[in-house]
Every structure is written in C-alpha cells, then in structure tokens.
Amino acid sequence: MLKYTSSDQPITDRMIYNEIKSTADLLIKRETDKRKLFQSANLFTFLPCIEMIKVPLSECCDYVSPKNIARSKYKIPKIAEGNLGSLVQQVTDVENGKKFVEVTPHRYANLLALGVKNKIYFWRLNDYLYISQEDTERVNLFAYFEEELTDDLLFPDCDCSYTTHTEKCTPIPERELKVPGYLIENVKSMVYDKFLKAYSQLPEDRTSNNKDETSK
C-alpha cells in the first residue's frame, strides 16, 4: 500500500518492522494497564536457563545483614513496563518449576525486618534479575521484551554460523511478532497512517508550491 511514497526516502522492511514493533508495544502496554493479557499463553517470551551468581543483599538495598541472594550473571534485555509495573508474567526455578513472588527491593527489606521468610522473591534492578534464595543457580523468565532478543539468549545451544535459515536462527524481522489477534488490525492501521503522513506528497501541497514559484 505504501509503494507510491517518495523515492528519495524509500520505506525498507526493517523500518516497517520497527514501527510495527513499537506500535504493538504501545497497544499492549495500554491493555496490561487495564489488567489484561497477563494470562496470555502466547504474548510473553520464554527466556530459559538464566545463569545466577551469589551476591550480598547489600548490593541492591539498604539492609544491614550478612545475607546473600542470587543475581543474574548478565544484564537482562529491556522488559516493557506499564502503569502497573514491568510486564513479567512469571519467574520460575529451572529444577522444579517453582514460581517466585515479585517484590521491590525496598519491599523485600521490609519483609525481612518483619521476619517473613516463607516465600522466595524476585525483583529487577539496574537491568539485573535478583532472587532472594542464594543457592539459585538458574531460572526461567517469561516476559514481554521491548529489546530484541538474540539467539544466544533464546536458544543457548543454537549456532547460526553454519546455516542461513532454521527455526531457531530465523532473522529477527522474519520472526512472528507476539501480538494478540484482536490488536493486529489496530497495529496495521496505525502503522499505515503514520507512514502515509510521513512520506506521502499531497497534491494540494504541490499545487501550493507551484503557485508560489509562478508568482515569483
């Protein structure tokens, strides 16, 4: 539909992909602000086997204690956030599938002060994932990511160096976007309107310019 845009600024597949992704992010955040979609089975991306390391609790909150906790060894890609917080569906233990409870670092410090220790908690800080149980070695994360995920994160055993196209090594613009079916038409319409306004040359503008040039 956009093939008649200005040839000086062609619309590439990558530009369309980026605009679709950002528009989908916006609409999905609006829906989660209404407490929708958190039970969706297909919206959230599964990030498996995140490696954890032991760190002191004092690294992430003002709590005087010798207690250690677990932190992801590497930073986690950017997770979308709405008015209700980050779009994390769940964090689970790799070994037994146990679900952890989300809190803030400040809230966790308060729970410790109150002597509440019967649950395992998780939180994010400075792009790291923290787990209150210090001997946690690996966890699974289900979240809606704004940042593109590379194959080494999605498929730790995937090697794309010797192949051009497999299920695991599909180029990012060719991967299926995680958008609920009822939002797809809205996404398409908004993306089309944005490109149309940005790149189309309206006849009345050309007429106006011609008149100005003739008058000179």
N, C-alpha and C. Protein backbone atom coordinates (compact mmCIF):
# COMPACT_ATOMS: atom_id res chain seq x y z
N MET A 1 0.82 -1.22 0.00
CA MET A 1 0.00 0.00 0.00
C MET A 1 0.85 1.26 0.00
N LEU A 2 2.09 1.12 0.39
CA LEU A 2 2.95 2.30 0.53
C LEU A 2 3.97 2.42 -0.61
N LYS A 3 3.74 1.74 -1.73
CA LYS A 3 4.75 1.71 -2.79
C LYS A 3 4.87 3.03 -3.53
N TYR A 4 3.91 3.96 -3.38
CA TYR A 4 3.98 5.22 -4.11
C TYR A 4 4.56 6.35 -3.28
N THR A 5 5.32 6.03 -2.28
CA THR A 5 5.96 7.04 -1.45
C THR A 5 7.17 7.62 -2.17
N SER A 6 7.75 8.65 -1.57
CA SER A 6 8.88 9.34 -2.19
C SER A 6 10.06 8.39 -2.41
N SER A 7 10.61 8.39 -3.61
CA SER A 7 11.75 7.52 -3.91
C SER A 7 13.02 8.00 -3.22
N ASP A 8 13.02 9.28 -2.77
CA ASP A 8 14.19 9.80 -2.07
C ASP A 8 14.34 9.17 -0.69
N GLN A 9 13.23 8.73 -0.10
CA GLN A 9 13.26 8.11 1.21
C GLN A 9 12.45 6.82 1.18
N PRO A 10 13.00 5.77 0.59
CA PRO A 10 12.26 4.51 0.47
C PRO A 10 11.99 3.89 1.84
N ILE A 11 10.84 3.25 1.96
CA ILE A 11 10.48 2.57 3.19
C ILE A 11 11.00 1.14 3.12
N THR A 12 11.90 0.80 4.00
CA THR A 12 12.51 -0.53 4.00
C THR A 12 11.72 -1.49 4.88
N ASP A 13 11.96 -2.79 4.68
CA ASP A 13 11.32 -3.80 5.52
C ASP A 13 11.67 -3.60 6.99
N ARG A 14 12.91 -3.20 7.24
CA ARG A 14 13.35 -3.01 8.62
C ARG A 14 12.60 -1.85 9.27
N MET A 15 12.38 -0.77 8.51
CA MET A 15 11.63 0.38 9.04
C MET A 15 10.21 -0.03 9.40
N ILE A 16 9.59 -0.82 8.53
CA ILE A 16 8.23 -1.27 8.79
C ILE A 16 8.19 -2.18 10.02
N TYR A 17 9.16 -3.09 10.11
CA TYR A 17 9.22 -3.99 11.26
C TYR A 17 9.35 -3.19 12.56
N ASN A 18 10.27 -2.22 12.59
CA ASN A 18 10.48 -1.43 13.80
C ASN A 18 9.23 -0.66 14.20
N GLU A 19 8.52 -0.13 13.20
CA GLU A 19 7.31 0.64 13.50
C GLU A 19 6.20 -0.27 14.01
N ILE A 20 6.09 -1.46 13.42
CA ILE A 20 5.09 -2.43 13.88
C ILE A 20 5.38 -2.82 15.33
N LYS A 21 6.65 -3.07 15.62
CA LYS A 21 7.03 -3.49 16.98
C LYS A 21 6.73 -2.39 18.00
N SER A 22 7.10 -1.15 17.70
CA SER A 22 6.88 -0.06 18.65
C SER A 22 5.38 0.22 18.84
N THR A 23 4.60 0.09 17.77
CA THR A 23 3.16 0.29 17.87
C THR A 23 2.52 -0.83 18.68
N ALA A 24 2.95 -2.05 18.44
CA ALA A 24 2.43 -3.18 19.21
C ALA A 24 2.77 -3.02 20.70
N ASP A 25 4.00 -2.58 20.99
CA ASP A 25 4.41 -2.35 22.38
C ASP A 25 3.46 -1.36 23.05
N LEU A 26 3.14 -0.27 22.34
CA LEU A 26 2.27 0.76 22.89
C LEU A 26 0.88 0.21 23.22
N LEU A 27 0.28 -0.52 22.28
CA LEU A 27 -1.06 -1.05 22.49
C LEU A 27 -1.08 -2.11 23.58
N ILE A 28 -0.05 -2.94 23.63
CA ILE A 28 0.00 -3.99 24.64
C ILE A 28 0.16 -3.38 26.04
N LYS A 29 0.95 -2.32 26.16
CA LYS A 29 1.07 -1.65 27.45
C LYS A 29 -0.27 -1.09 27.89
N ARG A 30 -1.04 -0.53 26.96
CA ARG A 30 -2.36 0.00 27.29
C ARG A 30 -3.27 -1.10 27.81
N GLU A 31 -3.20 -2.27 27.17
CA GLU A 31 -4.04 -3.38 27.59
C GLU A 31 -3.63 -3.90 28.96
N THR A 32 -2.33 -4.01 29.21
CA THR A 32 -1.89 -4.50 30.52
C THR A 32 -2.19 -3.49 31.62
N ASP A 33 -2.24 -2.21 31.28
CA ASP A 33 -2.65 -1.20 32.26
C ASP A 33 -4.10 -1.43 32.71
N LYS A 34 -4.87 -2.13 31.87
CA LYS A 34 -6.26 -2.48 32.21
C LYS A 34 -6.33 -3.88 32.84
N ARG A 35 -5.16 -4.39 33.21
CA ARG A 35 -5.04 -5.71 33.83
C ARG A 35 -5.45 -6.83 32.88
N LYS A 36 -5.21 -6.64 31.61
CA LYS A 36 -5.49 -7.67 30.62
C LYS A 36 -4.18 -8.30 30.14
N LEU A 37 -4.29 -9.46 29.51
CA LEU A 37 -3.22 -10.15 28.79
C LEU A 37 -2.20 -10.89 29.67
N PHE A 38 -2.21 -10.68 30.97
CA PHE A 38 -1.18 -11.32 31.79
C PHE A 38 -1.32 -12.84 31.84
N GLN A 39 -2.49 -13.35 31.47
CA GLN A 39 -2.67 -14.80 31.44
C GLN A 39 -2.50 -15.36 30.02
N SER A 40 -2.11 -14.51 29.09
CA SER A 40 -1.94 -14.94 27.70
C SER A 40 -0.83 -15.98 27.60
N ALA A 41 -1.09 -17.03 26.82
CA ALA A 41 -0.11 -18.10 26.67
C ALA A 41 0.91 -17.80 25.58
N ASN A 42 0.62 -16.84 24.70
CA ASN A 42 1.48 -16.61 23.54
C ASN A 42 2.16 -15.24 23.52
N LEU A 43 1.78 -14.36 24.41
CA LEU A 43 2.31 -13.00 24.36
C LEU A 43 3.73 -12.90 24.92
N PHE A 44 4.00 -13.64 25.98
CA PHE A 44 5.26 -13.49 26.70
C PHE A 44 6.34 -14.41 26.14
N THR A 45 7.55 -13.89 26.08
CA THR A 45 8.68 -14.66 25.55
C THR A 45 9.35 -15.44 26.66
N PHE A 46 9.69 -16.66 26.35
CA PHE A 46 10.34 -17.54 27.31
C PHE A 46 11.85 -17.40 27.18
N LEU A 47 12.49 -16.91 28.24
CA LEU A 47 13.95 -16.78 28.27
C LEU A 47 14.47 -17.84 29.23
N PRO A 48 15.07 -18.92 28.70
CA PRO A 48 15.41 -20.07 29.55
C PRO A 48 16.78 -20.00 30.19
N CYS A 49 16.90 -20.70 31.29
CA CYS A 49 18.19 -21.02 31.92
C CYS A 49 19.08 -19.79 32.14
N ILE A 50 18.53 -18.77 32.77
CA ILE A 50 19.33 -17.58 33.08
C ILE A 50 20.30 -17.93 34.21
N GLU A 51 21.57 -17.75 33.97
CA GLU A 51 22.59 -18.11 34.95
C GLU A 51 22.62 -17.09 36.09
N MET A 52 22.65 -17.59 37.33
CA MET A 52 22.65 -16.74 38.51
C MET A 52 23.96 -16.90 39.29
N ILE A 53 24.34 -15.84 39.99
CA ILE A 53 25.52 -15.88 40.84
C ILE A 53 25.16 -15.35 42.22
N LYS A 54 25.97 -15.71 43.22
CA LYS A 54 25.71 -15.28 44.59
C LYS A 54 26.28 -13.89 44.82
N VAL A 55 25.47 -13.00 45.43
CA VAL A 55 25.91 -11.63 45.75
C VAL A 55 25.36 -11.26 47.12
N PRO A 56 25.96 -10.27 47.79
CA PRO A 56 25.43 -9.84 49.09
C PRO A 56 24.14 -9.05 48.92
N LEU A 57 23.23 -9.19 49.84
CA LEU A 57 21.96 -8.46 49.79
C LEU A 57 22.19 -6.95 49.74
N SER A 58 23.26 -6.48 50.39
CA SER A 58 23.54 -5.05 50.45
C SER A 58 23.79 -4.45 49.07
N GLU A 59 24.00 -5.29 48.06
CA GLU A 59 24.24 -4.79 46.71
C GLU A 59 23.01 -4.07 46.15
N CYS A 60 21.83 -4.46 46.61
CA CYS A 60 20.63 -3.92 45.97
C CYS A 60 19.66 -3.22 46.92
N CYS A 61 19.92 -3.21 48.21
CA CYS A 61 19.02 -2.48 49.10
C CYS A 61 19.73 -2.13 50.40
N ASP A 62 19.22 -1.12 51.08
CA ASP A 62 19.80 -0.66 52.34
C ASP A 62 19.30 -1.53 53.49
N TYR A 63 19.95 -2.66 53.66
CA TYR A 63 19.56 -3.57 54.74
C TYR A 63 20.83 -4.17 55.31
N VAL A 64 21.09 -3.90 56.55
CA VAL A 64 22.31 -4.37 57.19
C VAL A 64 22.13 -5.84 57.58
N SER A 65 22.80 -6.71 56.80
CA SER A 65 22.67 -8.14 57.03
C SER A 65 23.77 -8.87 56.27
N PRO A 66 24.27 -9.96 56.80
CA PRO A 66 25.27 -10.76 56.08
C PRO A 66 24.62 -11.66 55.02
N LYS A 67 23.32 -11.57 54.86
CA LYS A 67 22.58 -12.46 53.96
C LYS A 67 23.03 -12.30 52.51
N ASN A 68 23.13 -13.40 51.83
CA ASN A 68 23.40 -13.41 50.39
C ASN A 68 22.14 -13.74 49.60
N ILE A 69 22.09 -13.28 48.36
CA ILE A 69 20.99 -13.57 47.45
C ILE A 69 21.59 -13.96 46.11
N ALA A 70 20.75 -14.25 45.12
CA ALA A 70 21.24 -14.59 43.79
C ALA A 70 20.91 -13.46 42.81
N ARG A 71 21.85 -13.21 41.88
CA ARG A 71 21.66 -12.19 40.85
C ARG A 71 22.03 -12.77 39.50
N SER A 72 21.32 -12.37 38.46
CA SER A 72 21.68 -12.84 37.13
C SER A 72 23.11 -12.44 36.81
N LYS A 73 23.84 -13.34 36.22
CA LYS A 73 25.25 -13.08 35.92
C LYS A 73 25.39 -11.94 34.91
N TYR A 74 24.44 -11.86 33.99
CA TYR A 74 24.46 -10.81 32.97
C TYR A 74 23.16 -10.00 33.03
N LYS A 75 23.19 -8.82 32.47
CA LYS A 75 22.01 -7.98 32.45
C LYS A 75 20.93 -8.62 31.57
N ILE A 76 19.68 -8.36 31.95
CA ILE A 76 18.53 -8.88 31.24
C ILE A 76 18.09 -7.86 30.19
N PRO A 77 17.74 -8.29 28.97
CA PRO A 77 17.25 -7.34 27.95
C PRO A 77 16.07 -6.53 28.49
N LYS A 78 15.87 -5.37 27.91
CA LYS A 78 14.86 -4.44 28.40
C LYS A 78 13.46 -5.05 28.33
N ILE A 79 12.78 -5.02 29.47
CA ILE A 79 11.41 -5.52 29.58
C ILE A 79 10.45 -4.34 29.54
N ALA A 80 9.37 -4.48 28.80
CA ALA A 80 8.38 -3.40 28.72
C ALA A 80 7.77 -3.14 30.09
N GLU A 81 7.38 -1.88 30.31
CA GLU A 81 6.77 -1.50 31.58
C GLU A 81 5.51 -0.69 31.32
N GLY A 82 4.50 -0.94 32.13
CA GLY A 82 3.26 -0.18 32.08
C GLY A 82 3.01 0.51 33.40
N ASN A 83 1.80 1.00 33.57
CA ASN A 83 1.47 1.69 34.82
C ASN A 83 1.46 0.76 36.02
N LEU A 84 1.30 -0.53 35.77
CA LEU A 84 1.26 -1.50 36.86
C LEU A 84 2.62 -2.14 37.13
N GLY A 85 3.64 -1.69 36.42
CA GLY A 85 4.98 -2.25 36.62
C GLY A 85 5.47 -2.96 35.38
N SER A 86 6.51 -3.77 35.54
CA SER A 86 7.11 -4.45 34.41
C SER A 86 6.21 -5.58 33.92
N LEU A 87 6.29 -5.86 32.61
CA LEU A 87 5.45 -6.90 32.01
C LEU A 87 6.16 -8.26 32.14
N VAL A 88 6.25 -8.73 33.37
CA VAL A 88 6.81 -10.04 33.68
C VAL A 88 5.65 -10.95 34.05
N GLN A 89 5.50 -12.04 33.31
CA GLN A 89 4.42 -12.98 33.62
C GLN A 89 4.80 -13.88 34.79
N GLN A 90 6.04 -14.40 34.75
CA GLN A 90 6.50 -15.22 35.87
C GLN A 90 8.00 -15.49 35.78
N VAL A 91 8.58 -15.80 36.93
CA VAL A 91 9.96 -16.27 37.04
C VAL A 91 9.90 -17.59 37.80
N THR A 92 10.53 -18.63 37.24
CA THR A 92 10.43 -19.95 37.84
C THR A 92 11.81 -20.59 38.02
N ASP A 93 11.88 -21.50 38.95
CA ASP A 93 13.10 -22.28 39.16
C ASP A 93 13.22 -23.33 38.06
N VAL A 94 14.40 -23.48 37.49
CA VAL A 94 14.62 -24.43 36.41
C VAL A 94 14.44 -25.86 36.89
N GLU A 95 14.87 -26.15 38.11
CA GLU A 95 14.87 -27.52 38.60
C GLU A 95 13.47 -28.06 38.89
N ASN A 96 12.64 -27.25 39.56
CA ASN A 96 11.34 -27.77 40.00
C ASN A 96 10.14 -26.95 39.50
N GLY A 97 10.39 -25.90 38.73
CA GLY A 97 9.30 -25.10 38.19
C GLY A 97 8.61 -24.21 39.20
N LYS A 98 9.16 -24.09 40.40
CA LYS A 98 8.55 -23.27 41.44
C LYS A 98 8.50 -21.79 41.02
N LYS A 99 7.35 -21.16 41.21
CA LYS A 99 7.18 -19.76 40.85
C LYS A 99 7.62 -18.86 42.00
N PHE A 100 8.35 -17.80 41.67
CA PHE A 100 8.79 -16.83 42.66
C PHE A 100 7.81 -15.65 42.70
N VAL A 101 7.80 -14.95 43.82
CA VAL A 101 6.88 -13.83 44.03
C VAL A 101 7.60 -12.52 43.76
N GLU A 102 6.98 -11.65 42.97
CA GLU A 102 7.63 -10.38 42.62
C GLU A 102 7.45 -9.34 43.72
N VAL A 103 8.55 -8.67 44.05
CA VAL A 103 8.53 -7.57 45.02
C VAL A 103 9.53 -6.51 44.54
N THR A 104 9.58 -5.40 45.25
CA THR A 104 10.64 -4.41 45.04
C THR A 104 11.73 -4.67 46.07
N PRO A 105 12.95 -4.19 45.84
CA PRO A 105 14.00 -4.36 46.85
C PRO A 105 13.61 -3.79 48.21
N HIS A 106 12.95 -2.62 48.18
CA HIS A 106 12.53 -1.99 49.43
C HIS A 106 11.50 -2.85 50.16
N ARG A 107 10.56 -3.39 49.40
CA ARG A 107 9.54 -4.25 49.99
C ARG A 107 10.17 -5.51 50.59
N TYR A 108 11.16 -6.07 49.90
CA TYR A 108 11.81 -7.27 50.41
C TYR A 108 12.54 -6.98 51.71
N ALA A 109 13.22 -5.82 51.80
CA ALA A 109 13.90 -5.44 53.04
C ALA A 109 12.90 -5.32 54.19
N ASN A 110 11.72 -4.77 53.89
CA ASN A 110 10.68 -4.67 54.92
C ASN A 110 10.19 -6.04 55.37
N LEU A 111 10.05 -6.97 54.42
CA LEU A 111 9.62 -8.33 54.77
C LEU A 111 10.64 -9.02 55.66
N LEU A 112 11.93 -8.81 55.37
CA LEU A 112 12.97 -9.39 56.21
C LEU A 112 12.90 -8.81 57.62
N ALA A 113 12.68 -7.49 57.69
CA ALA A 113 12.60 -6.85 59.00
C ALA A 113 11.42 -7.38 59.82
N LEU A 114 10.37 -7.80 59.11
CA LEU A 114 9.18 -8.34 59.78
C LEU A 114 9.31 -9.84 60.04
N GLY A 115 10.40 -10.43 59.58
CA GLY A 115 10.62 -11.85 59.80
C GLY A 115 9.88 -12.77 58.85
N VAL A 116 9.40 -12.21 57.72
CA VAL A 116 8.67 -13.02 56.74
C VAL A 116 9.69 -13.70 55.82
N LYS A 117 9.77 -15.01 55.89
CA LYS A 117 10.78 -15.73 55.12
C LYS A 117 10.24 -17.01 54.48
N ASN A 118 8.94 -17.11 54.37
CA ASN A 118 8.35 -18.37 53.90
C ASN A 118 8.19 -18.43 52.38
N LYS A 119 8.58 -17.41 51.65
CA LYS A 119 8.46 -17.41 50.20
C LYS A 119 9.79 -17.01 49.56
N ILE A 120 9.92 -17.31 48.29
CA ILE A 120 11.09 -16.89 47.52
C ILE A 120 10.66 -15.76 46.59
N TYR A 121 11.41 -14.68 46.62
CA TYR A 121 11.01 -13.47 45.89
C TYR A 121 11.98 -13.17 44.75
N PHE A 122 11.49 -12.36 43.81
CA PHE A 122 12.36 -11.86 42.75
C PHE A 122 12.06 -10.40 42.49
N TRP A 123 13.04 -9.70 41.96
CA TRP A 123 12.87 -8.31 41.54
C TRP A 123 13.93 -7.97 40.51
N ARG A 124 13.75 -6.85 39.83
CA ARG A 124 14.72 -6.38 38.85
C ARG A 124 15.28 -5.04 39.32
N LEU A 125 16.57 -4.85 39.10
CA LEU A 125 17.22 -3.60 39.47
C LEU A 125 18.44 -3.40 38.57
N ASN A 126 18.50 -2.22 37.95
CA ASN A 126 19.63 -1.89 37.06
C ASN A 126 19.83 -2.96 35.98
N ASP A 127 18.71 -3.47 35.48
CA ASP A 127 18.70 -4.46 34.39
C ASP A 127 19.19 -5.84 34.82
N TYR A 128 19.33 -6.06 36.11
CA TYR A 128 19.67 -7.39 36.61
C TYR A 128 18.44 -8.01 37.26
N LEU A 129 18.40 -9.33 37.27
CA LEU A 129 17.33 -10.06 37.93
C LEU A 129 17.86 -10.63 39.24
N TYR A 130 17.13 -10.42 40.32
CA TYR A 130 17.54 -10.90 41.65
C TYR A 130 16.55 -11.92 42.18
N ILE A 131 17.07 -12.93 42.88
CA ILE A 131 16.25 -13.94 43.54
C ILE A 131 16.67 -13.99 45.00
N SER A 132 15.70 -14.06 45.90
CA SER A 132 16.02 -13.98 47.33
C SER A 132 16.71 -15.24 47.85
N GLN A 133 16.63 -16.34 47.14
CA GLN A 133 17.27 -17.59 47.56
C GLN A 133 18.68 -17.67 46.98
N GLU A 134 19.69 -17.66 47.85
CA GLU A 134 21.07 -17.51 47.40
C GLU A 134 21.61 -18.68 46.59
N ASP A 135 21.10 -19.89 46.81
CA ASP A 135 21.63 -21.04 46.09
C ASP A 135 20.93 -21.31 44.76
N THR A 136 20.15 -20.36 44.29
CA THR A 136 19.50 -20.49 42.98
C THR A 136 20.56 -20.39 41.89
N GLU A 137 20.65 -21.39 41.06
CA GLU A 137 21.69 -21.43 40.02
C GLU A 137 21.18 -20.96 38.67
N ARG A 138 19.98 -21.32 38.31
CA ARG A 138 19.41 -20.91 37.02
C ARG A 138 17.90 -20.73 37.16
N VAL A 139 17.35 -19.77 36.42
CA VAL A 139 15.91 -19.54 36.44
C VAL A 139 15.39 -19.35 35.02
N ASN A 140 14.09 -19.54 34.87
CA ASN A 140 13.41 -19.24 33.61
C ASN A 140 12.60 -17.96 33.78
N LEU A 141 12.58 -17.14 32.75
CA LEU A 141 11.87 -15.87 32.80
C LEU A 141 10.87 -15.80 31.66
N PHE A 142 9.63 -15.43 31.98
CA PHE A 142 8.59 -15.21 30.98
C PHE A 142 8.23 -13.73 31.04
N ALA A 143 8.52 -12.98 29.96
CA ALA A 143 8.30 -11.54 29.98
C ALA A 143 8.03 -11.01 28.58
N TYR A 144 7.52 -9.79 28.52
CA TYR A 144 7.32 -9.12 27.23
C TYR A 144 8.47 -8.12 27.07
N PHE A 145 9.33 -8.39 26.11
CA PHE A 145 10.55 -7.60 25.95
C PHE A 145 10.39 -6.52 24.89
N GLU A 146 10.89 -5.33 25.20
CA GLU A 146 10.95 -4.27 24.19
C GLU A 146 12.20 -4.43 23.33
N GLU A 147 13.24 -4.92 23.93
CA GLU A 147 14.51 -5.09 23.24
C GLU A 147 14.53 -6.42 22.48
N GLU A 148 15.14 -6.41 21.30
CA GLU A 148 15.23 -7.63 20.51
C GLU A 148 16.13 -8.63 21.22
N LEU A 149 15.72 -9.89 21.19
CA LEU A 149 16.46 -10.95 21.86
C LEU A 149 17.30 -11.72 20.84
N THR A 150 18.55 -11.91 21.16
CA THR A 150 19.45 -12.62 20.26
C THR A 150 19.33 -14.13 20.47
N ASP A 151 19.81 -14.89 19.48
CA ASP A 151 19.68 -16.34 19.54
C ASP A 151 20.44 -16.95 20.71
N ASP A 152 21.53 -16.34 21.12
CA ASP A 152 22.29 -16.92 22.24
C ASP A 152 21.50 -16.84 23.54
N LEU A 153 20.53 -15.92 23.62
CA LEU A 153 19.67 -15.83 24.80
C LEU A 153 18.47 -16.76 24.68
N LEU A 154 17.84 -16.76 23.51
CA LEU A 154 16.66 -17.58 23.30
C LEU A 154 16.98 -19.05 23.19
N PHE A 155 18.09 -19.35 22.54
CA PHE A 155 18.48 -20.73 22.29
C PHE A 155 19.95 -20.89 22.66
N PRO A 156 20.26 -21.13 23.90
CA PRO A 156 21.67 -21.19 24.34
C PRO A 156 22.52 -22.18 23.57
N ASP A 157 21.89 -23.20 22.96
CA ASP A 157 22.66 -24.19 22.23
C ASP A 157 22.62 -23.96 20.73
N CYS A 158 22.13 -22.81 20.29
CA CYS A 158 21.98 -22.54 18.86
C CYS A 158 23.25 -21.95 18.27
N ASP A 159 23.68 -22.47 17.15
CA ASP A 159 24.84 -21.95 16.45
C ASP A 159 24.41 -21.61 15.02
N CYS A 160 24.34 -20.32 14.72
CA CYS A 160 23.86 -19.88 13.41
C CYS A 160 24.99 -19.70 12.40
N SER A 161 26.20 -20.04 12.75
CA SER A 161 27.33 -19.75 11.88
C SER A 161 27.35 -20.61 10.63
N TYR A 162 26.68 -21.76 10.67
CA TYR A 162 26.77 -22.67 9.54
C TYR A 162 25.46 -22.84 8.78
N THR A 163 24.46 -22.06 9.12
CA THR A 163 23.18 -22.19 8.45
C THR A 163 22.59 -20.82 8.17
N THR A 164 21.72 -20.73 7.20
CA THR A 164 21.14 -19.44 6.82
C THR A 164 19.72 -19.27 7.32
N HIS A 165 19.01 -20.36 7.51
CA HIS A 165 17.62 -20.21 7.92
C HIS A 165 17.10 -21.50 8.57
N THR A 166 16.95 -21.47 9.87
CA THR A 166 16.33 -22.58 10.58
C THR A 166 15.31 -21.99 11.53
N GLU A 167 14.54 -22.84 12.17
CA GLU A 167 13.53 -22.36 13.10
C GLU A 167 14.17 -21.54 14.21
N LYS A 168 15.35 -21.96 14.67
CA LYS A 168 16.00 -21.27 15.78
C LYS A 168 16.79 -20.07 15.34
N CYS A 169 17.21 -20.02 14.08
CA CYS A 169 18.10 -18.96 13.64
C CYS A 169 17.44 -18.05 12.60
N THR A 170 16.16 -17.84 12.71
CA THR A 170 15.43 -17.00 11.78
C THR A 170 15.81 -15.54 11.99
N PRO A 171 16.08 -14.78 10.91
CA PRO A 171 16.38 -13.35 11.08
C PRO A 171 15.26 -12.64 11.83
N ILE A 172 15.62 -11.69 12.67
CA ILE A 172 14.64 -11.06 13.56
C ILE A 172 13.43 -10.49 12.83
N PRO A 173 13.59 -9.75 11.69
CA PRO A 173 12.39 -9.21 11.03
C PRO A 173 11.45 -10.28 10.47
N GLU A 174 11.91 -11.52 10.36
CA GLU A 174 11.08 -12.59 9.83
C GLU A 174 10.41 -13.41 10.92
N ARG A 175 10.71 -13.11 12.18
CA ARG A 175 10.09 -13.84 13.27
C ARG A 175 8.67 -13.33 13.50
N GLU A 176 7.85 -14.20 14.00
CA GLU A 176 6.47 -13.82 14.28
C GLU A 176 6.42 -12.89 15.48
N LEU A 177 5.78 -11.74 15.30
CA LEU A 177 5.64 -10.80 16.41
C LEU A 177 4.56 -11.29 17.36
N LYS A 178 4.78 -11.07 18.64
CA LYS A 178 3.83 -11.50 19.65
C LYS A 178 2.79 -10.40 19.86
N VAL A 179 1.71 -10.49 19.10
CA VAL A 179 0.63 -9.50 19.17
C VAL A 179 -0.69 -10.24 19.29
N PRO A 180 -1.53 -9.94 20.29
CA PRO A 180 -2.84 -10.59 20.39
C PRO A 180 -3.65 -10.37 19.12
N GLY A 181 -4.40 -11.37 18.70
CA GLY A 181 -5.13 -11.30 17.45
C GLY A 181 -6.05 -10.10 17.33
N TYR A 182 -6.71 -9.72 18.43
CA TYR A 182 -7.68 -8.64 18.35
C TYR A 182 -7.02 -7.26 18.21
N LEU A 183 -5.68 -7.20 18.36
CA LEU A 183 -4.98 -5.93 18.21
C LEU A 183 -4.30 -5.79 16.85
N ILE A 184 -4.26 -6.84 16.06
CA ILE A 184 -3.49 -6.82 14.82
C ILE A 184 -3.98 -5.75 13.86
N GLU A 185 -5.29 -5.66 13.65
CA GLU A 185 -5.82 -4.68 12.71
C GLU A 185 -5.53 -3.26 13.18
N ASN A 186 -5.58 -3.02 14.48
CA ASN A 186 -5.24 -1.70 15.02
C ASN A 186 -3.79 -1.35 14.75
N VAL A 187 -2.91 -2.35 14.95
CA VAL A 187 -1.48 -2.13 14.69
C VAL A 187 -1.26 -1.79 13.22
N LYS A 188 -1.84 -2.56 12.33
CA LYS A 188 -1.67 -2.33 10.89
C LYS A 188 -2.17 -0.95 10.49
N SER A 189 -3.33 -0.56 10.99
CA SER A 189 -3.91 0.74 10.65
C SER A 189 -3.05 1.89 11.14
N MET A 190 -2.56 1.79 12.38
CA MET A 190 -1.75 2.87 12.95
C MET A 190 -0.42 3.01 12.22
N VAL A 191 0.19 1.88 11.87
CA VAL A 191 1.47 1.91 11.16
C VAL A 191 1.29 2.50 9.77
N TYR A 192 0.25 2.07 9.07
CA TYR A 192 -0.02 2.59 7.73
C TYR A 192 -0.25 4.10 7.77
N ASP A 193 -1.07 4.57 8.71
CA ASP A 193 -1.36 6.01 8.81
C ASP A 193 -0.10 6.81 9.10
N LYS A 194 0.77 6.27 9.94
CA LYS A 194 1.99 7.01 10.29
C LYS A 194 2.90 7.16 9.08
N PHE A 195 3.11 6.07 8.33
CA PHE A 195 3.96 6.15 7.15
C PHE A 195 3.32 7.03 6.08
N LEU A 196 2.01 6.94 5.94
CA LEU A 196 1.32 7.73 4.93
C LEU A 196 1.49 9.22 5.20
N LYS A 197 1.35 9.64 6.46
CA LYS A 197 1.50 11.04 6.82
C LYS A 197 2.95 11.51 6.68
N ALA A 198 3.88 10.61 6.98
CA ALA A 198 5.29 11.00 6.97
C ALA A 198 5.87 11.08 5.57
N TYR A 199 5.39 10.25 4.64
CA TYR A 199 6.06 10.14 3.35
C TYR A 199 5.23 10.54 2.13
N SER A 200 3.92 10.59 2.26
CA SER A 200 3.11 10.92 1.09
C SER A 200 3.22 12.40 0.75
N GLN A 201 3.21 12.68 -0.55
CA GLN A 201 3.21 14.06 -1.04
C GLN A 201 1.80 14.38 -1.50
N LEU A 202 1.11 15.22 -0.75
CA LEU A 202 -0.28 15.53 -1.06
C LEU A 202 -0.37 16.49 -2.23
N PRO A 203 -1.35 16.30 -3.14
CA PRO A 203 -1.49 17.16 -4.33
C PRO A 203 -1.62 18.63 -4.00
N GLU A 204 -2.37 18.96 -2.92
CA GLU A 204 -2.56 20.37 -2.60
C GLU A 204 -1.25 21.05 -2.21
N ASP A 205 -0.32 20.28 -1.65
CA ASP A 205 0.98 20.86 -1.31
C ASP A 205 1.75 21.20 -2.57
N ARG A 206 1.73 20.30 -3.57
CA ARG A 206 2.44 20.56 -4.81
C ARG A 206 1.84 21.75 -5.55
N THR A 207 0.49 21.85 -5.52
CA THR A 207 -0.18 22.97 -6.18
C THR A 207 0.21 24.28 -5.54
N SER A 208 0.25 24.29 -4.22
CA SER A 208 0.63 25.49 -3.48
C SER A 208 2.04 25.90 -3.82
N ASN A 209 2.94 24.91 -3.89
CA ASN A 209 4.35 25.23 -4.21
C ASN A 209 4.48 25.78 -5.60
N ASN A 210 3.73 25.24 -6.58
CA ASN A 210 3.79 25.72 -7.95
C ASN A 210 3.31 27.15 -8.06
N LYS A 211 2.24 27.47 -7.32
CA LYS A 211 1.73 28.83 -7.36
C LYS A 211 2.76 29.81 -6.81
N ASP A 212 3.42 29.40 -5.74
CA ASP A 212 4.43 30.30 -5.15
C ASP A 212 5.54 30.55 -6.15
N GLU A 213 5.97 29.47 -6.86
CA GLU A 213 7.07 29.64 -7.79
C GLU A 213 6.65 30.51 -8.98
N THR A 214 5.37 30.37 -9.43
CA THR A 214 4.89 31.17 -10.57
C THR A 214 4.81 32.65 -10.22
N SER A 215 4.37 32.92 -8.99
CA SER A 215 4.22 34.31 -8.57
C SER A 215 5.55 35.03 -8.51
N LYS A 216 6.63 34.24 -8.31
CA LYS A 216 7.95 34.87 -8.23
C LYS A 216 8.43 35.25 -9.61
